[in-house]
Amino acid sequence: MAVQINPSILSADFARLADEAKAVEGADWLHVDVMDNHFVPNLTLGVPVVESLARATDTPLDCHLMIEAPDRWAPQYVEAGASSVTFHVEAAAAPVRLAREIRAKGARASMALRPATPIEPYEDLLPELDMLLIMTVEPGFGGQPFLDIMLPKIRRTRELITKHGLDLWLQIDGGVSAETIERCADAGADVFVAGSAVYGANDPAEAVRALRKQAEGATVKASWACGH
């Protein structure tokens, strides 16, 4: 199971986004948080910025839509250049249809769950997805402390993925750092969104490498990864 590190530009300097994207070119994806000040109490960026970022970097864009009406807006982010688009199941009217539309347009389809949203009701939807995102903080703001109570949820989700034999990435977002990433990898996560742990470092590229090394070390020893 390959570990992936996705720096979040929510923690970057918005006045220098092209330079900030280049600073983490060794990352697997560039995580782009889209917030509408309705689904979450914050406002960030939208389609035009994603279009500009897609032109400014060769790192694929992983767009996390923390917005209302993702059924309407998500396909536009694929057209803007996103290679992966995540919608929140709490906001989607027809998550299966939306996932299929995202895939049909050529991007990876991902579904996100807020901390209080259980995974079990959505077990049957997992084959429709390329990635599942478990929020390990309440969505809306960067720099929040990691919620340890999400670790059992990560484990249960990994068990469901294994149960169904799915090639489904399990992403976590919120409070990922050198202090928390190993616990998350041990629990079953393989894609890690890191904001301030990367962009708050003196050398963001080195921070990405260090986090990857930590996660890889924990994954090798994790019981869920045995046999993969």
Protein backbone atom coordinates (compact mmCIF):
# COMPACT_ATOMS: atom_id res chain seq x y z
CA MET A 1 0.00 0.00 0.00
CA ALA A 2 1.65 3.24 -1.14
CA VAL A 3 1.64 6.14 1.29
CA GLN A 4 0.63 9.48 -0.22
CA ILE A 5 1.23 12.94 1.22
CA ASN A 6 -1.05 15.78 0.14
CA PRO A 7 -0.01 19.26 1.35
CA SER A 8 -2.99 21.53 1.92
CA ILE A 9 -2.76 25.00 0.42
CA LEU A 10 -5.18 26.19 3.10
CA SER A 11 -2.02 26.71 5.15
CA ALA A 12 -0.07 28.28 2.28
CA ASP A 13 0.39 31.95 1.43
CA PHE A 14 -2.58 32.71 -0.83
CA ALA A 15 -0.71 35.63 -2.38
CA ARG A 16 1.99 33.23 -3.62
CA LEU A 17 0.07 30.08 -4.52
CA ALA A 18 2.12 29.23 -7.62
CA ASP A 19 5.36 29.45 -5.62
CA GLU A 20 3.82 27.53 -2.72
CA ALA A 21 2.77 24.76 -5.11
CA LYS A 22 6.31 24.52 -6.47
CA ALA A 23 7.69 24.31 -2.93
CA VAL A 24 6.06 20.88 -2.47
CA GLU A 25 6.57 19.37 -5.92
CA GLY A 26 7.72 16.10 -4.32
CA ALA A 27 4.22 15.60 -2.90
CA ASP A 28 1.75 13.18 -4.46
CA TRP A 29 -1.12 15.66 -4.70
CA LEU A 30 -1.85 19.27 -3.85
CA HIS A 31 -4.89 19.42 -1.58
CA VAL A 32 -7.21 22.32 -2.37
CA ASP A 33 -9.86 23.20 0.23
CA VAL A 34 -12.92 24.83 -1.29
CA MET A 35 -15.22 26.42 1.31
CA ASP A 36 -18.41 28.39 0.66
CA ASN A 37 -19.20 29.94 4.08
CA HIS A 38 -22.43 27.91 4.15
CA PHE A 39 -21.56 24.23 4.60
CA VAL A 40 -18.64 25.39 6.76
CA PRO A 41 -18.11 28.78 8.46
CA ASN A 42 -15.28 29.90 6.22
CA LEU A 43 -14.75 31.16 2.67
CA THR A 44 -11.69 30.25 0.61
CA LEU A 45 -11.49 29.89 -3.15
CA GLY A 46 -13.35 28.56 -6.17
CA VAL A 47 -13.15 27.40 -9.76
CA PRO A 48 -11.01 30.27 -11.18
CA VAL A 49 -8.24 29.69 -8.63
CA VAL A 50 -8.28 25.95 -9.31
CA GLU A 51 -7.95 26.68 -13.04
CA SER A 52 -4.95 28.91 -12.35
CA LEU A 53 -3.33 26.38 -10.01
CA ALA A 54 -3.75 23.61 -12.56
CA ARG A 55 -1.76 25.70 -15.04
CA ALA A 56 0.90 26.60 -12.47
CA THR A 57 1.87 23.12 -11.23
CA ASP A 58 2.41 19.61 -12.52
CA THR A 59 1.33 18.19 -9.13
CA PRO A 60 -2.22 16.84 -9.53
CA LEU A 61 -4.93 18.72 -7.67
CA ASP A 62 -7.03 17.03 -5.00
CA CYS A 63 -10.06 19.29 -4.50
CA HIS A 64 -11.99 18.92 -1.26
CA LEU A 65 -15.37 20.59 -1.63
CA MET A 66 -16.73 21.77 1.72
CA ILE A 67 -19.73 23.32 0.04
CA GLU A 68 -23.47 23.06 -0.30
CA ALA A 69 -24.92 21.61 -3.52
CA PRO A 70 -21.84 19.63 -4.59
CA ASP A 71 -24.04 17.80 -7.10
CA ARG A 72 -24.20 21.06 -9.05
CA TRP A 73 -20.63 22.31 -8.57
CA ALA A 74 -18.32 19.28 -8.36
CA PRO A 75 -18.22 18.56 -12.13
CA GLN A 76 -16.98 22.11 -12.74
CA TYR A 77 -13.90 21.42 -10.63
CA VAL A 78 -13.03 18.46 -12.85
CA GLU A 79 -13.38 20.73 -15.88
CA ALA A 80 -11.17 23.31 -14.11
CA GLY A 81 -8.34 20.78 -13.86
CA ALA A 82 -8.82 18.79 -10.65
CA SER A 83 -7.67 15.18 -10.90
CA SER A 84 -9.56 14.17 -7.75
CA VAL A 85 -12.75 15.73 -6.40
CA THR A 86 -14.13 15.08 -2.91
CA PHE A 87 -17.70 15.89 -1.96
CA HIS A 88 -19.26 15.66 1.49
CA VAL A 89 -21.93 13.00 1.82
CA GLU A 90 -23.78 15.27 4.26
CA ALA A 91 -24.26 17.82 1.48
CA ALA A 92 -24.78 15.57 -1.56
CA ALA A 93 -28.31 14.91 -2.80
CA ALA A 94 -27.35 11.85 -4.87
CA PRO A 95 -23.85 10.67 -3.92
CA VAL A 96 -23.74 7.64 -6.21
CA ARG A 97 -24.83 9.63 -9.24
CA LEU A 98 -22.35 12.37 -8.38
CA ALA A 99 -19.45 9.93 -7.94
CA ARG A 100 -20.25 8.39 -11.32
CA GLU A 101 -20.40 11.81 -12.98
CA ILE A 102 -17.01 12.80 -11.52
CA ARG A 103 -15.50 9.54 -12.77
CA ALA A 104 -17.13 9.92 -16.18
CA LYS A 105 -15.48 13.31 -16.56
CA GLY A 106 -12.07 11.72 -15.94
CA ALA A 107 -11.30 12.44 -12.27
CA ARG A 108 -11.12 10.27 -9.19
CA ALA A 109 -14.30 10.40 -7.10
CA SER A 110 -14.00 10.79 -3.35
CA MET A 111 -16.54 11.11 -0.54
CA ALA A 112 -15.87 12.85 2.77
CA LEU A 113 -17.38 12.27 6.21
CA ARG A 114 -17.47 14.81 9.02
CA PRO A 115 -16.29 13.53 12.41
CA ALA A 116 -19.83 12.78 13.64
CA THR A 117 -20.88 10.98 10.45
CA PRO A 118 -20.54 7.17 10.76
CA ILE A 119 -19.13 5.09 7.94
CA GLU A 120 -21.43 2.09 8.33
CA PRO A 121 -24.54 3.51 6.58
CA TYR A 122 -22.43 4.09 3.45
CA GLU A 123 -20.80 0.67 3.18
CA ASP A 124 -22.70 -0.15 0.00
CA LEU A 125 -21.46 3.06 -1.66
CA LEU A 126 -17.77 2.25 -1.28
CA PRO A 127 -17.40 0.43 -4.64
CA GLU A 128 -18.53 3.66 -6.37
CA LEU A 129 -15.56 5.59 -4.97
CA ASP A 130 -11.84 5.91 -5.59
CA MET A 131 -11.14 7.44 -2.18
CA LEU A 132 -12.88 8.00 1.13
CA LEU A 133 -11.95 10.99 3.30
CA ILE A 134 -12.39 10.83 7.05
CA MET A 135 -12.19 14.26 8.63
CA THR A 136 -10.08 14.17 11.78
CA VAL A 137 -11.12 17.72 12.74
CA GLU A 138 -14.35 19.62 12.17
CA PRO A 139 -14.11 20.99 8.61
CA GLY A 140 -13.81 24.72 8.09
CA PHE A 141 -10.48 25.88 9.48
CA GLY A 142 -6.85 24.82 9.30
CA GLY A 143 -4.53 24.36 12.26
CA GLN A 144 -6.99 22.48 14.49
CA PRO A 145 -5.77 19.74 16.86
CA PHE A 146 -6.19 16.14 15.77
CA LEU A 147 -9.24 14.29 17.14
CA ASP A 148 -7.96 11.01 18.55
CA ILE A 149 -11.54 9.73 18.79
CA MET A 150 -11.44 9.32 15.00
CA LEU A 151 -8.87 6.49 15.15
CA PRO A 152 -11.49 3.75 15.74
CA LYS A 153 -13.48 5.10 12.78
CA ILE A 154 -10.39 4.89 10.58
CA ARG A 155 -9.90 1.27 11.69
CA ARG A 156 -13.53 0.35 11.01
CA THR A 157 -13.34 1.94 7.57
CA ARG A 158 -10.16 0.05 6.71
CA GLU A 159 -11.87 -3.18 7.81
CA LEU A 160 -14.77 -2.48 5.43
CA ILE A 161 -12.38 -1.77 2.57
CA THR A 162 -10.58 -5.04 3.23
CA LYS A 163 -13.85 -6.93 3.66
CA HIS A 164 -14.97 -5.95 0.17
CA GLY A 165 -11.54 -6.30 -1.44
CA LEU A 166 -11.62 -2.72 -2.72
CA ASP A 167 -8.79 -0.69 -4.23
CA LEU A 168 -9.99 2.33 -2.27
CA TRP A 169 -7.68 4.99 -0.87
CA LEU A 170 -8.39 6.06 2.73
CA GLN A 171 -7.54 9.71 3.28
CA ILE A 172 -7.49 11.66 6.52
CA ASP A 173 -7.54 15.43 6.87
CA GLY A 174 -7.04 17.48 10.02
CA GLY A 175 -4.25 17.76 12.54
CA VAL A 176 -1.86 15.52 10.60
CA SER A 177 1.68 16.07 11.88
CA ALA A 178 4.82 14.25 12.96
CA GLU A 179 3.04 13.57 16.27
CA THR A 180 -0.10 12.01 14.76
CA ILE A 181 0.68 10.51 11.35
CA GLU A 182 2.02 7.18 12.62
CA ARG A 183 -1.11 6.49 14.66
CA CYS A 184 -3.25 7.20 11.61
CA ALA A 185 -1.17 4.96 9.35
CA ASP A 186 -1.35 2.18 11.93
CA ALA A 187 -5.14 2.57 12.02
CA GLY A 188 -5.44 2.19 8.24
CA ALA A 189 -5.05 5.55 6.51
CA ASP A 190 -2.81 5.68 3.45
CA VAL A 191 -3.39 9.22 2.12
CA PHE A 192 -2.54 12.10 4.46
CA VAL A 193 -3.52 15.75 4.10
CA ALA A 194 -1.06 17.97 5.95
CA GLY A 195 -1.38 21.75 6.13
CA SER A 196 0.54 23.61 8.81
CA ALA A 197 2.88 20.62 9.34
CA VAL A 198 4.15 21.23 5.79
CA TYR A 199 3.69 24.92 5.09
CA GLY A 200 4.62 25.92 8.63
CA ALA A 201 7.99 24.21 8.27
CA ASN A 202 11.18 25.98 7.21
CA ASP A 203 11.51 23.50 4.32
CA PRO A 204 8.10 22.30 3.11
CA ALA A 205 9.60 19.74 0.72
CA GLU A 206 11.64 18.19 3.52
CA ALA A 207 8.54 18.14 5.74
CA VAL A 208 6.73 16.12 3.05
CA ARG A 209 9.62 13.65 2.88
CA ALA A 210 9.77 13.30 6.67
CA LEU A 211 6.03 12.70 6.99
CA ARG A 212 6.15 10.12 4.20
CA LYS A 213 8.98 8.26 5.92
CA GLN A 214 7.09 8.18 9.21
CA ALA A 215 3.89 6.94 7.59
CA GLU A 216 5.70 4.30 5.55
CA GLY A 217 7.43 2.99 8.66
CA ALA A 218 4.15 2.70 10.54
CA THR A 219 2.37 1.11 7.57
CA VAL A 220 4.97 -1.65 7.22
CA LYS A 221 4.30 -2.68 10.83
CA ALA A 222 0.51 -2.22 10.72
CA SER A 223 -1.61 -5.36 11.00
CA TRP A 224 -4.02 -4.18 8.28
CA ALA A 225 -1.22 -3.91 5.72
CA CYS A 226 0.10 -7.44 6.22
CA GLY A 227 -0.30 -9.45 3.03
CA HIS A 228 -0.68 -6.38 0.78
